[in-house]
C-alpha cells in the first residue's frame, strides 16, 4: 500500500484558517486515505472466515459511533462527580491522613503497621519491590498486596478493627474514585462535542478472543446494571 502522505502542513490549523492550497491538499490527502482503506479492505476480505456475519457486525460497530443515540445526562454527571469528590474528602479526613499518604504504597504500609495488631503483618505477594519497600517490609522479593482483588487486602476491608477497615476503605476510594471521576468527565466531553449525544467507541475484534474493546478512553460494555451499587468503588 502507498503512504497516506504528510499531514505536518495541517498541524495546528483550523479549516477556516487554511489557504486554498492547503484545503486542496487536505482534500487530496483524505481521498487518498479512503482509497488506501478500500484497497486494504479488498486485500483482507478473502481472509475472513465468515464474511456474511463479520462484515455486518463490523459495520454495525462503526454505526454505533457514527450515529449516536444515547442522550448524555450532564446534570447527573455533575452530581455524581461532586458527590464522589465530597465523599472522598470525607473518608480521607475521617482517617486523619491526607489523600497523598493514603495513596502512596510506602506511606500506606507505614500507616498500616501503626494500627495493625502486634500479631498481624502487612499482607504481601511476590513482586519486585524497590529498595525502600524491601527495607520497610523486612523481606526481599515481595510487595504489598493492596490491589482490590488481593485476598490480603480484602481481608483488611472486613477486619475486626474498625480503624483498619476505615483506613483500607479510604485507600481503596483514593485509588479508584478519581478514575471514575475522570471517566465521567471524559464521557461528558465527548457528549459535548456531539450535541449532547454519547457515541459508542468500540473497536471491532479489539480483544484477542475476538470480542469488542473500548475506545476513546471509555468502554461502554462495562457499565454497571441499573441499581448496582458496586463494592467500594463509588458512593
C-alpha atoms as a PDB file:
ATOM      1  CA  UNK A   1       0.000   0.000   0.000  1.00  0.00           C
ATOM      2  CA  UNK A   2       1.110   3.549  -0.680  1.00  0.00           C
ATOM      3  CA  UNK A   3       1.910   6.060   2.032  1.00  0.00           C
ATOM      4  CA  UNK A   4      -1.031   8.229   3.062  1.00  0.00           C
ATOM      5  CA  UNK A   5       1.095  11.329   2.763  1.00  0.00           C
ATOM      6  CA  UNK A   6       2.314  14.110   5.016  1.00  0.00           C
ATOM      7  CA  UNK A   7      -0.025  15.872   7.451  1.00  0.00           C
ATOM      8  CA  UNK A   8       2.548  18.164   9.071  1.00  0.00           C
ATOM      9  CA  UNK A   9       1.392  21.045   6.850  1.00  0.00           C
ATOM     10  CA  UNK A  10      -2.006  20.962   8.582  1.00  0.00           C
ATOM     11  CA  UNK A  11      -0.701  20.751  12.144  1.00  0.00           C
ATOM     12  CA  UNK A  12      -2.260  23.300  14.492  1.00  0.00           C
ATOM     13  CA  UNK A  13      -4.594  24.700  11.835  1.00  0.00           C
ATOM     14  CA  UNK A  14      -8.377  25.014  11.802  1.00  0.00           C
ATOM     15  CA  UNK A  15     -10.172  24.636   8.500  1.00  0.00           C
ATOM     16  CA  UNK A  16     -11.155  28.307   8.303  1.00  0.00           C
ATOM     17  CA  UNK A  17      -7.504  29.303   8.751  1.00  0.00           C
ATOM     18  CA  UNK A  18      -6.271  27.281   5.770  1.00  0.00           C
ATOM     19  CA  UNK A  19      -5.404  28.707   2.389  1.00  0.00           C
ATOM     20  CA  UNK A  20      -6.991  27.343  -0.778  1.00  0.00           C
ATOM     21  CA  UNK A  21      -3.808  25.432  -1.488  1.00  0.00           C
ATOM     22  CA  UNK A  22      -3.891  23.825   1.956  1.00  0.00           C
ATOM     23  CA  UNK A  23      -7.580  22.861   1.751  1.00  0.00           C
ATOM     24  CA  UNK A  24      -6.997  21.290  -1.653  1.00  0.00           C
ATOM     25  CA  UNK A  25      -4.024  19.384  -0.248  1.00  0.00           C
ATOM     26  CA  UNK A  26      -6.163  18.213   2.682  1.00  0.00           C
ATOM     27  CA  UNK A  27      -8.917  17.037   0.329  1.00  0.00           C
ATOM     28  CA  UNK A  28      -6.359  15.136  -1.746  1.00  0.00           C
ATOM     29  CA  UNK A  29      -4.968  13.534   1.407  1.00  0.00           C
ATOM     30  CA  UNK A  30      -8.451  12.451   2.564  1.00  0.00           C
ATOM     31  CA  UNK A  31      -9.347  10.965  -0.835  1.00  0.00           C
ATOM     32  CA  UNK A  32      -6.086   9.039  -0.881  1.00  0.00           C
ATOM     33  CA  UNK A  33      -6.705   7.819   2.661  1.00  0.00           C
ATOM     34  CA  UNK A  34     -10.136   6.483   1.676  1.00  0.00           C
ATOM     35  CA  UNK A  35      -8.700   4.769  -1.398  1.00  0.00           C
ATOM     36  CA  UNK A  36      -5.954   3.115   0.652  1.00  0.00           C
ATOM     37  CA  UNK A  37      -8.509   1.876   3.196  1.00  0.00           C
ATOM     38  CA  UNK A  38     -10.599   0.471   0.346  1.00  0.00           C
ATOM     39  CA  UNK A  39      -7.565  -1.317  -1.089  1.00  0.00           C
ATOM     40  CA  UNK A  40      -6.746  -2.695   2.352  1.00  0.00           C
ATOM     41  CA  UNK A  41     -10.325  -3.927   2.804  1.00  0.00           C
ATOM     42  CA  UNK A  42     -10.250  -5.711  -0.552  1.00  0.00           C
ATOM     43  CA  UNK A  43      -6.900  -7.270   0.325  1.00  0.00           C
ATOM     44  CA  UNK A  44      -8.069  -8.580   3.701  1.00  0.00           C
ATOM     45  CA  UNK A  45     -11.599  -9.590   2.704  1.00  0.00           C
ATOM     46  CA  UNK A  46     -10.597 -13.022   1.309  1.00  0.00           C
ATOM     47  CA  UNK A  47      -9.028 -13.858   4.686  1.00  0.00           C
ATOM     48  CA  UNK A  48     -12.305 -13.548   6.588  1.00  0.00           C
ATOM     49  CA  UNK A  49     -13.618 -16.944   7.599  1.00  0.00           C
ATOM     50  CA  UNK A  50     -17.245 -15.850   7.815  1.00  0.00           C
ATOM     51  CA  UNK A  51     -17.712 -12.537   5.961  1.00  0.00           C
ATOM     52  CA  UNK A  52     -21.508 -12.793   5.793  1.00  0.00           C
ATOM     53  CA  UNK A  53     -21.555 -12.481   9.595  1.00  0.00           C
ATOM     54  CA  UNK A  54     -18.446 -10.436  10.347  1.00  0.00           C
ATOM     55  CA  UNK A  55     -18.956  -7.618   7.841  1.00  0.00           C
ATOM     56  CA  UNK A  56     -22.466  -6.667   9.079  1.00  0.00           C
ATOM     57  CA  UNK A  57     -21.276  -6.783  12.698  1.00  0.00           C
ATOM     58  CA  UNK A  58     -18.225  -4.658  11.893  1.00  0.00           C
ATOM     59  CA  UNK A  59     -20.453  -2.175  10.066  1.00  0.00           C
ATOM     60  CA  UNK A  60     -22.873  -2.105  12.999  1.00  0.00           C
ATOM     61  CA  UNK A  61     -19.946  -1.400  15.334  1.00  0.00           C
ATOM     62  CA  UNK A  62     -18.971   1.577  13.194  1.00  0.00           C
ATOM     63  CA  UNK A  63     -22.583   2.743  13.102  1.00  0.00           C
ATOM     64  CA  UNK A  64     -22.727   2.836  16.896  1.00  0.00           C
ATOM     65  CA  UNK A  65     -20.105   5.574  16.754  1.00  0.00           C
ATOM     66  CA  UNK A  66     -21.216   7.425  13.638  1.00  0.00           C
ATOM     67  CA  UNK A  67     -24.918   7.535  14.561  1.00  0.00           C
ATOM     68  CA  UNK A  68     -25.125   8.174  18.328  1.00  0.00           C
ATOM     69  CA  UNK A  69     -28.470   7.671  20.036  1.00  0.00           C
ATOM     70  CA  UNK A  70     -27.682   7.889  23.771  1.00  0.00           C
ATOM     71  CA  UNK A  71     -28.590  11.229  25.363  1.00  0.00           C
ATOM     72  CA  UNK A  72     -25.996  12.124  27.992  1.00  0.00           C
ATOM     73  CA  UNK A  73     -27.321  13.347  31.358  1.00  0.00           C
ATOM     74  CA  UNK A  74     -24.978  16.247  32.132  1.00  0.00           C
ATOM     75  CA  UNK A  75     -26.861  17.151  35.313  1.00  0.00           C
ATOM     76  CA  UNK A  76     -26.480  13.635  36.712  1.00  0.00           C
ATOM     77  CA  UNK A  77     -22.817  13.543  35.700  1.00  0.00           C
ATOM     78  CA  UNK A  78     -22.139  16.784  37.561  1.00  0.00           C
ATOM     79  CA  UNK A  79     -23.986  15.460  40.612  1.00  0.00           C
ATOM     80  CA  UNK A  80     -22.033  12.182  40.573  1.00  0.00           C
ATOM     81  CA  UNK A  81     -18.618  13.806  40.305  1.00  0.00           C
ATOM     82  CA  UNK A  82     -19.434  16.339  43.036  1.00  0.00           C
ATOM     83  CA  UNK A  83     -20.744  13.562  45.308  1.00  0.00           C
ATOM     84  CA  UNK A  84     -17.641  11.468  44.760  1.00  0.00           C
ATOM     85  CA  UNK A  85     -15.292  14.389  45.434  1.00  0.00           C
ATOM     86  CA  UNK A  86     -17.151  15.139  48.690  1.00  0.00           C
ATOM     87  CA  UNK A  87     -17.326  11.507  49.834  1.00  0.00           C
ATOM     88  CA  UNK A  88     -13.661  11.005  49.024  1.00  0.00           C
ATOM     89  CA  UNK A  89     -12.685  14.056  51.055  1.00  0.00           C
ATOM     90  CA  UNK A  90     -14.841  12.946  53.998  1.00  0.00           C
ATOM     91  CA  UNK A  91     -13.399   9.419  54.007  1.00  0.00           C
ATOM     92  CA  UNK A  92      -9.841  10.709  53.919  1.00  0.00           C
ATOM     93  CA  UNK A  93     -10.490  13.288  56.644  1.00  0.00           C
ATOM     94  CA  UNK A  94     -12.073  10.622  58.854  1.00  0.00           C
ATOM     95  CA  UNK A  95      -8.773   8.733  58.944  1.00  0.00           C
ATOM     96  CA  UNK A  96      -6.783  11.819  59.865  1.00  0.00           C
ATOM     97  CA  UNK A  97      -4.454  11.374  56.896  1.00  0.00           C
ATOM     98  CA  UNK A  98      -4.074  13.107  53.555  1.00  0.00           C
ATOM     99  CA  UNK A  99      -5.015  11.570  50.208  1.00  0.00           C
ATOM    100  CA  UNK A 100      -1.320  11.535  49.323  1.00  0.00           C
ATOM    101  CA  UNK A 101      -0.481   9.488  52.427  1.00  0.00           C
ATOM    102  CA  UNK A 102      -3.317   7.062  51.699  1.00  0.00           C
ATOM    103  CA  UNK A 103      -2.440   6.572  48.032  1.00  0.00           C
ATOM    104  CA  UNK A 104       1.321   6.088  48.317  1.00  0.00           C
ATOM    105  CA  UNK A 105       2.447   2.482  48.796  1.00  0.00           C
ATOM    106  CA  UNK A 106       5.318   3.292  51.132  1.00  0.00           C
ATOM    107  CA  UNK A 107       3.284   5.710  53.224  1.00  0.00           C
ATOM    108  CA  UNK A 108       0.297   3.354  53.409  1.00  0.00           C
ATOM    109  CA  UNK A 109       2.474   0.471  54.589  1.00  0.00           C
ATOM    110  CA  UNK A 110       3.700   2.727  57.390  1.00  0.00           C
ATOM    111  CA  UNK A 111       0.130   3.681  58.320  1.00  0.00           C
ATOM    112  CA  UNK A 112      -0.981   0.056  58.406  1.00  0.00           C
ATOM    113  CA  UNK A 113       1.963  -1.025  60.527  1.00  0.00           C
ATOM    114  CA  UNK A 114       0.963   1.605  63.076  1.00  0.00           C
ATOM    115  CA  UNK A 115      -2.591   0.353  63.597  1.00  0.00           C
ATOM    116  CA  UNK A 116      -2.450  -3.389  62.904  1.00  0.00           C
ATOM    117  CA  UNK A 117      -2.385  -5.642  65.983  1.00  0.00           C
ATOM    118  CA  UNK A 118       1.094  -6.765  67.016  1.00  0.00           C
ATOM    119  CA  UNK A 119       0.483 -10.312  65.819  1.00  0.00           C
ATOM    120  CA  UNK A 120      -0.503  -9.176  62.292  1.00  0.00           C
ATOM    121  CA  UNK A 121       1.637  -8.050  59.387  1.00  0.00           C
ATOM    122  CA  UNK A 122       1.003  -6.114  56.205  1.00  0.00           C
ATOM    123  CA  UNK A 123      -0.268  -8.560  53.529  1.00  0.00           C
ATOM    124  CA  UNK A 124       2.249  -9.195  50.757  1.00  0.00           C
ATOM    125  CA  UNK A 125       2.600 -11.004  47.446  1.00  0.00           C
ATOM    126  CA  UNK A 126       5.502 -11.914  45.199  1.00  0.00           C
ATOM    127  CA  UNK A 127       6.816  -8.981  43.208  1.00  0.00           C
ATOM    128  CA  UNK A 128       9.755  -6.701  42.508  1.00  0.00           C
ATOM    129  CA  UNK A 129       9.933  -4.137  45.305  1.00  0.00           C
ATOM    130  CA  UNK A 130      12.067  -1.052  45.437  1.00  0.00           C
ATOM    131  CA  UNK A 131      14.921  -0.784  47.906  1.00  0.00           C
ATOM    132  CA  UNK A 132      12.876   1.294  50.351  1.00  0.00           C
ATOM    133  CA  UNK A 133       9.921  -1.111  50.207  1.00  0.00           C
ATOM    134  CA  UNK A 134      12.163  -4.118  50.899  1.00  0.00           C
ATOM    135  CA  UNK A 135      13.581  -2.336  53.912  1.00  0.00           C
ATOM    136  CA  UNK A 136      10.117  -1.390  55.143  1.00  0.00           C
ATOM    137  CA  UNK A 137       8.606  -4.875  54.751  1.00  0.00           C
ATOM    138  CA  UNK A 138      11.700  -6.596  56.106  1.00  0.00           C
ATOM    139  CA  UNK A 139      11.920  -9.217  53.352  1.00  0.00           C
ATOM    140  CA  UNK A 140      13.039  -9.299  49.707  1.00  0.00           C
ATOM    141  CA  UNK A 141      11.005 -10.372  46.692  1.00  0.00           C
ATOM    142  CA  UNK A 142       7.592  -9.235  47.920  1.00  0.00           C
ATOM    143  CA  UNK A 143       5.375  -6.172  47.530  1.00  0.00           C
ATOM    144  CA  UNK A 144       2.276  -5.045  49.456  1.00  0.00           C
ATOM    145  CA  UNK A 145      -0.925  -6.889  48.483  1.00  0.00           C
ATOM    146  CA  UNK A 146      -3.037  -3.743  48.127  1.00  0.00           C
ATOM    147  CA  UNK A 147      -4.845  -4.463  44.845  1.00  0.00           C
ATOM    148  CA  UNK A 148      -8.630  -4.712  45.123  1.00  0.00           C
ATOM    149  CA  UNK A 149      -8.503  -8.392  44.089  1.00  0.00           C
ATOM    150  CA  UNK A 150      -5.754  -9.339  46.544  1.00  0.00           C
ATOM    151  CA  UNK A 151      -7.135 -11.634  49.239  1.00  0.00           C
ATOM    152  CA  UNK A 152      -4.949  -9.998  51.868  1.00  0.00           C
ATOM    153  CA  UNK A 153      -6.405  -6.569  51.177  1.00  0.00           C
ATOM    154  CA  UNK A 154      -9.948  -7.955  51.023  1.00  0.00           C
ATOM    155  CA  UNK A 155      -9.406  -9.393  54.498  1.00  0.00           C
ATOM    156  CA  UNK A 156      -8.363  -5.972  55.768  1.00  0.00           C
ATOM    157  CA  UNK A 157     -11.598  -4.461  54.431  1.00  0.00           C
ATOM    158  CA  UNK A 158     -13.535  -6.737  56.824  1.00  0.00           C
ATOM    159  CA  UNK A 159     -11.021  -6.557  59.683  1.00  0.00           C
ATOM    160  CA  UNK A 160     -12.428  -6.715  63.214  1.00  0.00           C
ATOM    161  CA  UNK A 161     -10.817  -3.335  63.999  1.00  0.00           C
ATOM    162  CA  UNK A 162     -12.919  -0.531  62.522  1.00  0.00           C
ATOM    163  CA  UNK A 163      -9.840   1.699  62.256  1.00  0.00           C
ATOM    164  CA  UNK A 164      -8.195  -0.808  59.939  1.00  0.00           C
ATOM    165  CA  UNK A 165     -11.389  -1.167  57.915  1.00  0.00           C
ATOM    166  CA  UNK A 166     -11.849   2.576  57.518  1.00  0.00           C
ATOM    167  CA  UNK A 167      -8.213   3.113  56.602  1.00  0.00           C
ATOM    168  CA  UNK A 168      -8.382   0.477  53.858  1.00  0.00           C
ATOM    169  CA  UNK A 169     -11.733   1.714  52.551  1.00  0.00           C
ATOM    170  CA  UNK A 170     -10.275   5.207  52.312  1.00  0.00           C
ATOM    171  CA  UNK A 171      -7.234   3.827  50.483  1.00  0.00           C
ATOM    172  CA  UNK A 172      -9.471   1.984  48.025  1.00  0.00           C
ATOM    173  CA  UNK A 173     -11.522   5.109  47.396  1.00  0.00           C
ATOM    174  CA  UNK A 174      -8.470   7.325  46.891  1.00  0.00           C
ATOM    175  CA  UNK A 175      -7.038   4.885  44.353  1.00  0.00           C
ATOM    176  CA  UNK A 176     -10.213   4.149  42.362  1.00  0.00           C
ATOM    177  CA  UNK A 177     -12.677   7.029  42.585  1.00  0.00           C
ATOM    178  CA  UNK A 178     -10.505   9.576  40.716  1.00  0.00           C
ATOM    179  CA  UNK A 179     -10.512   7.131  37.784  1.00  0.00           C
ATOM    180  CA  UNK A 180     -14.313   7.025  37.827  1.00  0.00           C
ATOM    181  CA  UNK A 181     -14.481  10.823  38.018  1.00  0.00           C
ATOM    182  CA  UNK A 182     -12.075  11.100  35.086  1.00  0.00           C
ATOM    183  CA  UNK A 183     -14.180   8.636  33.087  1.00  0.00           C
ATOM    184  CA  UNK A 184     -17.381  10.613  33.716  1.00  0.00           C
ATOM    185  CA  UNK A 185     -15.679  13.857  32.688  1.00  0.00           C
ATOM    186  CA  UNK A 186     -14.339  12.158  29.569  1.00  0.00           C
ATOM    187  CA  UNK A 187     -17.830  10.975  28.627  1.00  0.00           C
ATOM    188  CA  UNK A 188     -19.216  14.465  29.248  1.00  0.00           C
ATOM    189  CA  UNK A 189     -16.556  15.971  26.998  1.00  0.00           C
ATOM    190  CA  UNK A 190     -17.329  13.547  24.201  1.00  0.00           C
ATOM    191  CA  UNK A 191     -21.071  14.179  24.512  1.00  0.00           C
ATOM    192  CA  UNK A 192     -20.496  17.944  24.460  1.00  0.00           C
ATOM    193  CA  UNK A 193     -18.700  17.570  21.139  1.00  0.00           C
ATOM    194  CA  UNK A 194     -21.649  15.586  19.737  1.00  0.00           C
ATOM    195  CA  UNK A 195     -24.562  17.880  20.630  1.00  0.00           C
ATOM    196  CA  UNK A 196     -25.342  16.064  23.872  1.00  0.00           C
ATOM    197  CA  UNK A 197     -25.280  12.560  22.412  1.00  0.00           C
ATOM    198  CA  UNK A 198     -22.797   9.938  23.567  1.00  0.00           C
ATOM    199  CA  UNK A 199     -21.167   7.917  20.821  1.00  0.00           C
ATOM    200  CA  UNK A 200     -20.219   4.264  21.405  1.00  0.00           C
ATOM    201  CA  UNK A 201     -16.493   3.981  20.573  1.00  0.00           C
ATOM    202  CA  UNK A 202     -15.915   0.228  20.324  1.00  0.00           C
ATOM    203  CA  UNK A 203     -13.094  -1.493  18.449  1.00  0.00           C
ATOM    204  CA  UNK A 204     -14.327  -4.452  16.434  1.00  0.00           C
ATOM    205  CA  UNK A 205     -12.301  -7.566  17.334  1.00  0.00           C
ATOM    206  CA  UNK A 206     -10.220  -5.443  19.694  1.00  0.00           C
ATOM    207  CA  UNK A 207      -9.639  -8.295  22.139  1.00  0.00           C
ATOM    208  CA  UNK A 208      -7.552 -11.376  21.361  1.00  0.00           C
ATOM    209  CA  UNK A 209     -10.662 -13.510  21.863  1.00  0.00           C
ATOM    210  CA  UNK A 210     -12.472 -11.602  19.130  1.00  0.00           C
ATOM    211  CA  UNK A 211     -14.683  -9.537  21.396  1.00  0.00           C
ATOM    212  CA  UNK A 212     -15.013  -5.763  21.240  1.00  0.00           C
ATOM    213  CA  UNK A 213     -12.693  -3.488  23.197  1.00  0.00           C
ATOM    214  CA  UNK A 214     -13.265   0.063  24.364  1.00  0.00           C
ATOM    215  CA  UNK A 215     -12.020   3.191  22.659  1.00  0.00           C
ATOM    216  CA  UNK A 216     -11.607   6.912  23.358  1.00  0.00           C
ATOM    217  CA  UNK A 217     -10.788   6.147  26.995  1.00  0.00           C
ATOM    218  CA  UNK A 218     -14.150   4.503  27.800  1.00  0.00           C
ATOM    219  CA  UNK A 219     -15.699   1.068  27.447  1.00  0.00           C
ATOM    220  CA  UNK A 220     -19.479   1.198  27.485  1.00  0.00           C
ATOM    221  CA  UNK A 221     -19.594  -2.601  27.711  1.00  0.00           C
ATOM    222  CA  UNK A 222     -18.502  -2.341  31.340  1.00  0.00           C
ATOM    223  CA  UNK A 223     -21.224  -0.098  32.736  1.00  0.00           C
ATOM    224  CA  UNK A 224     -22.985  -1.436  35.823  1.00  0.00           C
ATOM    225  CA  UNK A 225     -26.584  -2.530  35.620  1.00  0.00           C
ATOM    226  CA  UNK A 226     -29.385  -0.325  36.947  1.00  0.00           C
ATOM    227  CA  UNK A 227     -29.316  -0.138  40.743  1.00  0.00           C
ATOM    228  CA  UNK A 228     -25.934  -1.818  41.040  1.00  0.00           C
ATOM    229  CA  UNK A 229     -24.018  -0.156  43.835  1.00  0.00           C
ATOM    230  CA  UNK A 230     -20.675  -1.865  43.440  1.00  0.00           C
ATOM    231  CA  UNK A 231     -18.321  -2.531  46.312  1.00  0.00           C
ATOM    232  CA  UNK A 232     -16.091   0.268  47.484  1.00  0.00           C
ATOM    233  CA  UNK A 233     -15.872   1.847  44.035  1.00  0.00           C
ATOM    234  CA  UNK A 234     -18.241   4.803  44.344  1.00  0.00           C
ATOM    235  CA  UNK A 235     -20.578   6.417  46.899  1.00  0.00           C
END
